[in-house]
Amino acid sequence: MARFAAIGLDHRHVYDLTQGLLDAGAECVGYNPDTTDPRVLAGFRKRFPHVPAAETARLLDDPGIDFVVIAAVPRERADLAIAAMRRGKDVMVDKPGITSDDQLAAVEAAVAETGRFWSVALGRLASPAQAEALRIVRSGELGHLVHVTSLAPHRLNRELRPAWFFDAPAYGGIINDIGVHSIDTFLALAGAADAAIEHAAIGAFGTQPPGFEDFAELVLSTPTARGYVRLDWFTPDGLPTWGDSRLFCVGTEGTLELRKNLDIEGRPGTDHLFLAGRSATRYMDCSTLPTTYYRDFLAGVNTRNHTVMPQPQVFAVCRLALQAQARAIRHTAAPCP
C-alpha cells in the first residue's frame, strides 16, 4: 500500500486530493498543520481525524512515505515539491503547481535530476463527464474536432478566501490559477502536445481590492483545432454551485456540450453531457462513471510507469498558462460618471 503525507494545508482542494487517494487505496500517514487559513486545517482534522500531525522536515525525511500531496500557497508549492523529490518522493500538487517561469524551470530540472513524478491535479483528471467527452472526441463520433469552447465561471466566496488569494504574485494570476484547467482540457481534446496562444486578455472590472483579476479570456490553436476560454469570478450567489462550468466541442460531424456542475433549471445533479451526432441526439448522465486519476497515479508510484498524464504534457500546460498570463492585454473598469 502506498503511503503519503499532506504538506501545505492552505487550500480546500487538499480535502478532495486526500479523499481521492484514500478511496484509491493509499494510506495517509501524516500532515503538516502549518497553514495560512485555520479553517482549512480545521476541515482537514474533521475529515481525517486518524491522520497524525508532524513537522514538514520529519515527513520529508521519512523513508516510509512514498509521495506527498501539496496544497500550500501556490508560490510556495514549487519549493516544497523540489524538496520532496530530492528526498526520493513523488509529488501530487494542487493547481497551479507553479507561479513563475523560474519555478517551472526548477521543477523540470528536479524531475530530470531525481526521476520522481510531479503531477498537477487538474480538474479534467477527476471529472467523469470530461473523461467521457474525451472518449467521444477520440472515438471520431464528432468527426474531426474543429473548435473547443471552455467556460469556467467561479464564485468569489470572499468571506472564505485568505489574504493570499487576492495577491496576484501569490497565485500567479487568474489564467495561471484557474485557466490552467481549460488549457489542459483543450490540449487533451485536440490531441496536441502544445498550442499557440492567439489572444489573451485579463480584466479587473471592479472586484475589490482594486486590480484583482476577475475576468480573463484566451484563444488557443493547434494545426487542426482552435479553442476559446473564458474565466471569471462573477458567479452569482443565487446559483446553487460554485459555477456553471460548460464545455462545447464542435466537430465536422457532430457537437457536444458538457455541463459539469449543473443543468440549470433542468435535471438534478452534476456531469451532464449532450450530444448531437450524425443521425440523432442523446443525453448522458456521467455522474456515476468511474474516474481513474488517483488509481492511475498510485499505479505509477508502484510501477514507475507514469501513464496518468505524461510529464511533458504537465510541463506544457503549465508553460502555456504562464505565457498567456504574461502576454495578456489588461483591461480595467471605466470610472463611474
Protein backbone atom coordinates (compact mmCIF):
# COMPACT_ATOMS: atom_id res chain seq x y z
CA MET A 1 0.00 0.00 0.00
CA ALA A 2 1.36 3.41 -0.99
CA ARG A 3 1.82 5.81 1.93
CA PHE A 4 1.60 9.58 1.63
CA ALA A 5 1.62 12.80 3.62
CA ALA A 6 -0.20 16.11 3.10
CA ILE A 7 2.04 19.19 3.24
CA GLY A 8 0.68 22.69 2.91
CA LEU A 9 -2.93 22.93 4.09
CA ASP A 10 -3.72 26.32 2.57
CA HIS A 11 -6.44 25.40 0.05
CA ARG A 12 -9.56 23.28 0.46
CA HIS A 13 -8.61 21.20 -2.56
CA VAL A 14 -6.46 19.21 -0.13
CA TYR A 15 -9.67 17.53 1.06
CA ASP A 16 -10.52 16.12 -2.37
CA LEU A 17 -6.95 15.08 -3.10
CA THR A 18 -6.61 13.26 0.20
CA GLN A 19 -10.01 11.57 -0.04
CA GLY A 20 -9.44 10.55 -3.64
CA LEU A 21 -6.17 8.86 -2.74
CA LEU A 22 -7.68 7.13 0.29
CA ASP A 23 -10.53 5.82 -1.85
CA ALA A 24 -7.98 4.53 -4.36
CA GLY A 25 -6.26 2.51 -1.64
CA ALA A 26 -3.43 4.73 -0.37
CA GLU A 27 -2.74 5.46 3.29
CA CYS A 28 -2.31 8.99 4.63
CA VAL A 29 0.25 8.74 7.44
CA GLY A 30 0.76 12.38 8.35
CA TYR A 31 0.19 16.06 7.64
CA ASN A 32 1.90 19.34 8.46
CA PRO A 33 -0.54 21.58 10.38
CA ASP A 34 1.13 24.86 9.30
CA THR A 35 -1.42 26.92 7.37
CA THR A 36 -2.39 30.44 6.33
CA ASP A 37 -6.05 29.51 6.78
CA PRO A 38 -7.03 27.87 10.10
CA ARG A 39 -10.41 26.94 8.60
CA VAL A 40 -8.71 24.61 6.12
CA LEU A 41 -6.76 22.98 8.93
CA ALA A 42 -9.92 22.53 10.99
CA GLY A 43 -11.69 21.00 8.00
CA PHE A 44 -8.83 18.57 7.40
CA ARG A 45 -8.79 17.45 11.03
CA LYS A 46 -12.56 16.93 10.98
CA ARG A 47 -12.47 14.86 7.79
CA PHE A 48 -9.36 12.84 8.62
CA PRO A 49 -9.14 12.60 12.43
CA HIS A 50 -6.99 9.47 12.28
CA VAL A 51 -4.11 11.20 10.48
CA PRO A 52 -1.35 12.46 12.84
CA ALA A 53 0.29 15.86 12.59
CA ALA A 54 4.05 16.21 12.09
CA GLU A 55 6.65 18.75 11.01
CA THR A 56 7.41 19.06 7.30
CA ALA A 57 11.06 18.01 7.72
CA ARG A 58 10.06 14.85 9.55
CA LEU A 59 7.57 13.91 6.83
CA LEU A 60 10.02 14.62 4.01
CA ASP A 61 12.78 12.61 5.69
CA ASP A 62 10.57 9.60 6.46
CA PRO A 63 11.70 6.80 4.09
CA GLY A 64 8.37 5.02 4.55
CA ILE A 65 6.45 7.82 2.82
CA ASP A 66 6.20 7.28 -0.94
CA PHE A 67 4.79 10.63 -2.04
CA VAL A 68 3.40 13.92 -0.78
CA VAL A 69 0.28 15.92 -1.56
CA ILE A 70 0.82 19.68 -1.65
CA ALA A 71 -1.89 22.35 -1.39
CA ALA A 72 0.21 25.18 0.02
CA VAL A 73 0.04 28.83 -1.04
CA PRO A 74 0.71 28.47 -4.80
CA ARG A 75 4.00 30.40 -4.86
CA GLU A 76 5.34 28.00 -2.19
CA ARG A 77 4.40 24.78 -3.97
CA ALA A 78 7.41 24.50 -6.27
CA ASP A 79 9.98 24.70 -3.47
CA LEU A 80 8.09 22.10 -1.42
CA ALA A 81 7.80 19.81 -4.42
CA ILE A 82 11.51 20.09 -5.21
CA ALA A 83 12.42 19.37 -1.58
CA ALA A 84 10.19 16.29 -1.62
CA MET A 85 11.58 14.98 -4.92
CA ARG A 86 15.16 15.39 -3.72
CA ARG A 87 14.25 13.23 -0.74
CA GLY A 88 13.01 10.45 -3.00
CA LYS A 89 9.31 11.22 -3.01
CA ASP A 90 6.84 11.65 -5.85
CA VAL A 91 4.53 14.66 -5.76
CA MET A 92 0.85 15.33 -6.37
CA VAL A 93 0.31 19.09 -6.24
CA ASP A 94 -2.85 21.14 -6.34
CA LYS A 95 -3.10 23.54 -9.25
CA PRO A 96 -1.38 25.81 -10.02
CA GLY A 97 1.79 23.85 -9.45
CA ILE A 98 3.98 26.87 -10.14
CA THR A 99 3.63 30.65 -10.36
CA SER A 100 6.66 31.71 -12.44
CA ASP A 101 8.92 30.64 -15.31
CA ASP A 102 11.82 30.24 -12.89
CA GLN A 103 9.79 27.89 -10.72
CA LEU A 104 8.78 25.79 -13.73
CA ALA A 105 12.39 25.52 -14.87
CA ALA A 106 13.45 24.49 -11.37
CA VAL A 107 10.75 21.81 -11.16
CA GLU A 108 11.67 20.47 -14.60
CA ALA A 109 15.31 20.25 -13.51
CA ALA A 110 14.36 18.46 -10.29
CA VAL A 111 12.28 15.90 -12.19
CA ALA A 112 15.18 15.24 -14.56
CA GLU A 113 17.64 15.04 -11.68
CA THR A 114 15.63 12.75 -9.39
CA GLY A 115 13.42 10.70 -11.72
CA ARG A 116 10.42 11.41 -9.49
CA PHE A 117 6.89 12.19 -10.67
CA TRP A 118 5.40 15.70 -10.45
CA SER A 119 1.66 15.52 -11.11
CA VAL A 120 -0.60 18.59 -11.06
CA ALA A 121 -4.15 17.66 -10.05
CA LEU A 122 -6.05 19.34 -12.89
CA GLY A 123 -9.84 19.26 -12.97
CA ARG A 124 -10.18 17.12 -16.10
CA LEU A 125 -8.37 14.22 -14.48
CA ALA A 126 -11.03 13.67 -11.82
CA SER A 127 -14.11 14.62 -13.87
CA PRO A 128 -16.24 11.73 -15.17
CA ALA A 129 -18.03 13.97 -17.68
CA GLN A 130 -14.78 15.32 -19.12
CA ALA A 131 -13.37 11.81 -19.34
CA GLU A 132 -16.42 10.75 -21.33
CA ALA A 133 -16.20 13.83 -23.56
CA LEU A 134 -12.58 12.98 -24.30
CA ARG A 135 -13.50 9.39 -25.12
CA ILE A 136 -16.22 10.56 -27.53
CA VAL A 137 -13.94 13.04 -29.30
CA ARG A 138 -11.17 10.48 -29.66
CA SER A 139 -13.62 7.87 -30.96
CA GLY A 140 -14.29 10.02 -34.03
CA GLU A 141 -18.01 10.26 -33.37
CA LEU A 142 -17.87 14.04 -33.88
CA GLY A 143 -15.71 13.72 -36.98
CA HIS A 144 -12.61 15.90 -36.93
CA LEU A 145 -12.54 18.29 -33.98
CA VAL A 146 -12.75 21.90 -35.16
CA HIS A 147 -13.32 24.02 -32.06
CA VAL A 148 -13.49 23.83 -28.27
CA THR A 149 -15.14 26.41 -26.02
CA SER A 150 -14.47 26.25 -22.29
CA LEU A 151 -16.47 28.48 -19.94
CA ALA A 152 -15.20 28.47 -16.36
CA PRO A 153 -17.07 30.92 -14.13
CA HIS A 154 -16.29 30.77 -10.40
CA ARG A 155 -17.92 32.14 -7.26
CA LEU A 156 -15.72 34.53 -5.32
CA ASN A 157 -16.84 33.45 -1.82
CA ARG A 158 -14.95 36.41 -0.44
CA GLU A 159 -15.55 35.54 3.21
CA LEU A 160 -13.82 32.18 2.74
CA ARG A 161 -10.72 33.49 0.99
CA PRO A 162 -7.39 34.02 2.78
CA ALA A 163 -5.33 37.14 2.13
CA TRP A 164 -3.02 35.45 -0.41
CA PHE A 165 -5.99 34.77 -2.67
CA PHE A 166 -6.09 38.49 -3.56
CA ASP A 167 -2.30 38.81 -4.04
CA ALA A 168 -1.51 38.07 -7.72
CA PRO A 169 2.15 37.08 -7.15
CA ALA A 170 0.98 34.53 -4.59
CA TYR A 171 -1.18 32.61 -7.07
CA GLY A 172 0.31 33.67 -10.39
CA GLY A 173 -2.72 35.47 -11.84
CA ILE A 174 -6.13 34.33 -12.99
CA ILE A 175 -5.04 32.45 -16.13
CA ASN A 176 -2.25 30.65 -14.32
CA ASP A 177 -4.57 29.80 -11.44
CA ILE A 178 -7.87 28.66 -12.96
CA GLY A 179 -7.16 28.93 -16.69
CA VAL A 180 -4.67 26.09 -16.47
CA HIS A 181 -7.63 23.66 -16.27
CA SER A 182 -9.08 24.83 -19.58
CA ILE A 183 -5.70 24.83 -21.31
CA ASP A 184 -5.17 21.22 -20.26
CA THR A 185 -8.64 20.28 -21.49
CA PHE A 186 -8.04 21.89 -24.88
CA LEU A 187 -4.74 20.09 -25.42
CA ALA A 188 -6.28 16.75 -24.41
CA LEU A 189 -9.28 17.13 -26.72
CA ALA A 190 -7.14 18.38 -29.61
CA GLY A 191 -4.70 15.52 -29.10
CA ALA A 192 -1.89 18.06 -29.06
CA ALA A 193 1.36 18.32 -27.14
CA ASP A 194 1.42 22.11 -27.44
CA ALA A 195 -0.61 25.07 -28.72
CA ALA A 196 -0.20 28.64 -29.87
CA ILE A 197 -1.69 31.50 -27.85
CA GLU A 198 -3.54 33.63 -30.39
CA HIS A 199 -5.05 36.07 -27.91
CA ALA A 200 -5.17 36.63 -24.15
CA ALA A 201 -6.84 39.33 -22.08
CA ILE A 202 -7.32 39.91 -18.37
CA GLY A 203 -9.89 42.18 -16.76
CA ALA A 204 -10.08 43.88 -13.39
CA PHE A 205 -13.67 45.05 -13.60
CA GLY A 206 -14.27 46.33 -10.11
CA THR A 207 -13.95 43.41 -7.71
CA GLN A 208 -12.25 44.59 -4.54
CA PRO A 209 -9.39 45.03 -3.83
CA PRO A 210 -8.55 47.28 -6.81
CA GLY A 211 -6.67 45.45 -9.51
CA PHE A 212 -7.95 41.99 -8.59
CA GLU A 213 -8.12 39.90 -11.76
CA ASP A 214 -11.77 38.88 -12.01
CA PHE A 215 -12.04 38.05 -15.74
CA ALA A 216 -9.90 36.54 -18.49
CA GLU A 217 -10.23 35.12 -21.98
CA LEU A 218 -7.85 33.45 -24.37
CA VAL A 219 -7.79 31.90 -27.81
CA LEU A 220 -5.63 28.83 -28.46
CA SER A 221 -4.84 26.99 -31.66
CA THR A 222 -3.15 23.88 -32.98
CA PRO A 223 -2.65 22.99 -36.65
CA THR A 224 -6.04 21.24 -36.62
CA ALA A 225 -8.22 22.89 -33.95
CA ARG A 226 -8.99 26.17 -32.23
CA GLY A 227 -10.22 26.93 -28.74
CA TYR A 228 -11.75 29.76 -26.73
CA VAL A 229 -11.58 30.03 -22.93
CA ARG A 230 -13.49 32.39 -20.63
CA LEU A 231 -12.74 32.64 -16.92
CA ASP A 232 -14.34 34.85 -14.29
CA TRP A 233 -15.18 35.31 -10.62
CA PHE A 234 -18.74 36.55 -11.26
CA THR A 235 -20.89 33.51 -10.41
CA PRO A 236 -23.90 34.96 -8.54
CA ASP A 237 -24.83 33.75 -5.08
CA GLY A 238 -28.18 32.51 -6.39
CA LEU A 239 -26.56 29.70 -8.36
CA PRO A 240 -26.54 26.51 -6.24
CA THR A 241 -22.92 25.63 -7.05
CA TRP A 242 -19.54 27.34 -7.40
CA GLY A 243 -20.02 27.96 -11.13
CA ASP A 244 -21.87 26.86 -14.25
CA SER A 245 -18.85 25.28 -15.89
CA ARG A 246 -19.53 24.40 -19.53
CA LEU A 247 -17.63 22.81 -22.39
CA PHE A 248 -18.58 22.81 -26.09
CA CYS A 249 -16.92 20.73 -28.80
CA VAL A 250 -17.64 21.27 -32.49
CA GLY A 251 -16.64 18.58 -34.94
CA THR A 252 -17.18 18.15 -38.66
CA GLU A 253 -19.93 15.59 -37.98
CA GLY A 254 -21.32 16.39 -34.56
CA THR A 255 -21.36 18.62 -31.50
CA LEU A 256 -21.05 18.01 -27.78
CA GLU A 257 -21.97 20.09 -24.76
CA LEU A 258 -20.92 19.31 -21.22
CA ARG A 259 -22.43 20.97 -18.15
CA LYS A 260 -20.12 19.88 -15.37
CA ASN A 261 -21.79 21.31 -12.28
CA LEU A 262 -25.49 21.58 -13.01
CA ASP A 263 -28.18 21.57 -15.65
CA ILE A 264 -29.67 24.92 -14.73
CA GLU A 265 -33.43 24.61 -14.11
CA GLY A 266 -33.27 21.08 -15.55
CA ARG A 267 -32.00 17.65 -14.49
CA PRO A 268 -30.62 17.36 -10.95
CA GLY A 269 -27.03 16.51 -10.12
CA THR A 270 -23.75 17.04 -11.95
CA ASP A 271 -21.87 15.83 -15.06
CA HIS A 272 -24.46 16.30 -17.80
CA LEU A 273 -23.42 15.60 -21.40
CA PHE A 274 -25.45 16.40 -24.53
CA LEU A 275 -24.50 15.04 -27.93
CA ALA A 276 -25.76 15.80 -31.44
CA GLY A 277 -24.40 13.34 -33.95
CA ARG A 278 -24.80 12.10 -37.49
CA SER A 279 -28.33 10.75 -37.06
CA ALA A 280 -29.67 11.62 -33.59
CA THR A 281 -29.18 13.45 -30.33
CA ARG A 282 -28.67 11.91 -26.92
CA TYR A 283 -28.18 12.82 -23.28
CA MET A 284 -25.76 11.10 -20.91
CA ASP A 285 -25.68 11.26 -17.13
CA CYS A 286 -21.95 10.85 -16.49
CA SER A 287 -22.07 11.35 -12.73
CA THR A 288 -21.74 7.65 -11.92
CA LEU A 289 -18.95 6.90 -14.39
CA PRO A 290 -15.62 6.00 -12.80
CA THR A 291 -12.54 8.19 -12.86
CA THR A 292 -9.07 6.71 -12.66
CA TYR A 293 -6.70 9.59 -11.86
CA TYR A 294 -5.94 8.62 -8.27
CA ARG A 295 -5.74 4.92 -9.02
CA ASP A 296 -3.50 5.53 -12.03
CA PHE A 297 -1.26 7.83 -10.02
CA LEU A 298 -0.78 5.14 -7.36
CA ALA A 299 -0.05 2.58 -10.05
CA GLY A 300 2.65 4.87 -11.41
CA VAL A 301 4.19 5.27 -7.96
CA ASN A 302 4.35 1.47 -7.63
CA THR A 303 5.50 0.56 -11.15
CA ARG A 304 7.45 3.73 -12.08
CA ASN A 305 5.40 3.86 -15.27
CA HIS A 306 3.65 7.22 -15.19
CA THR A 307 0.71 6.98 -17.61
CA VAL A 308 -1.94 9.12 -15.89
CA MET A 309 -0.64 12.25 -17.65
CA PRO A 310 2.76 12.25 -19.37
CA GLN A 311 5.25 14.51 -17.62
CA PRO A 312 6.00 16.61 -20.74
CA GLN A 313 2.27 17.36 -21.07
CA VAL A 314 2.09 18.62 -17.48
CA PHE A 315 5.00 20.95 -18.17
CA ALA A 316 3.45 22.13 -21.45
CA VAL A 317 0.14 23.00 -19.78
CA CYS A 318 1.88 24.98 -17.03
CA ARG A 319 4.12 26.76 -19.54
CA LEU A 320 1.19 27.82 -21.71
CA ALA A 321 -0.69 29.16 -18.68
CA LEU A 322 2.32 31.27 -17.69
CA GLN A 323 2.79 32.53 -21.24
CA ALA A 324 -0.87 33.51 -21.61
CA GLN A 325 -0.79 35.25 -18.23
CA ALA A 326 2.30 37.24 -19.17
CA ARG A 327 1.14 38.21 -22.67
CA ALA A 328 -2.44 39.15 -21.77
CA ILE A 329 -3.83 42.58 -22.57
CA ARG A 330 -5.05 44.25 -19.35
CA HIS A 331 -8.48 45.89 -19.02
CA THR A 332 -9.90 47.78 -16.07
CA ALA A 333 -13.36 49.06 -15.30
CA ALA A 334 -14.12 52.56 -16.52
CA PRO A 335 -14.76 55.03 -13.68
CA CYS A 336 -18.40 55.83 -12.97
CA PRO A 337 -19.51 59.17 -14.47
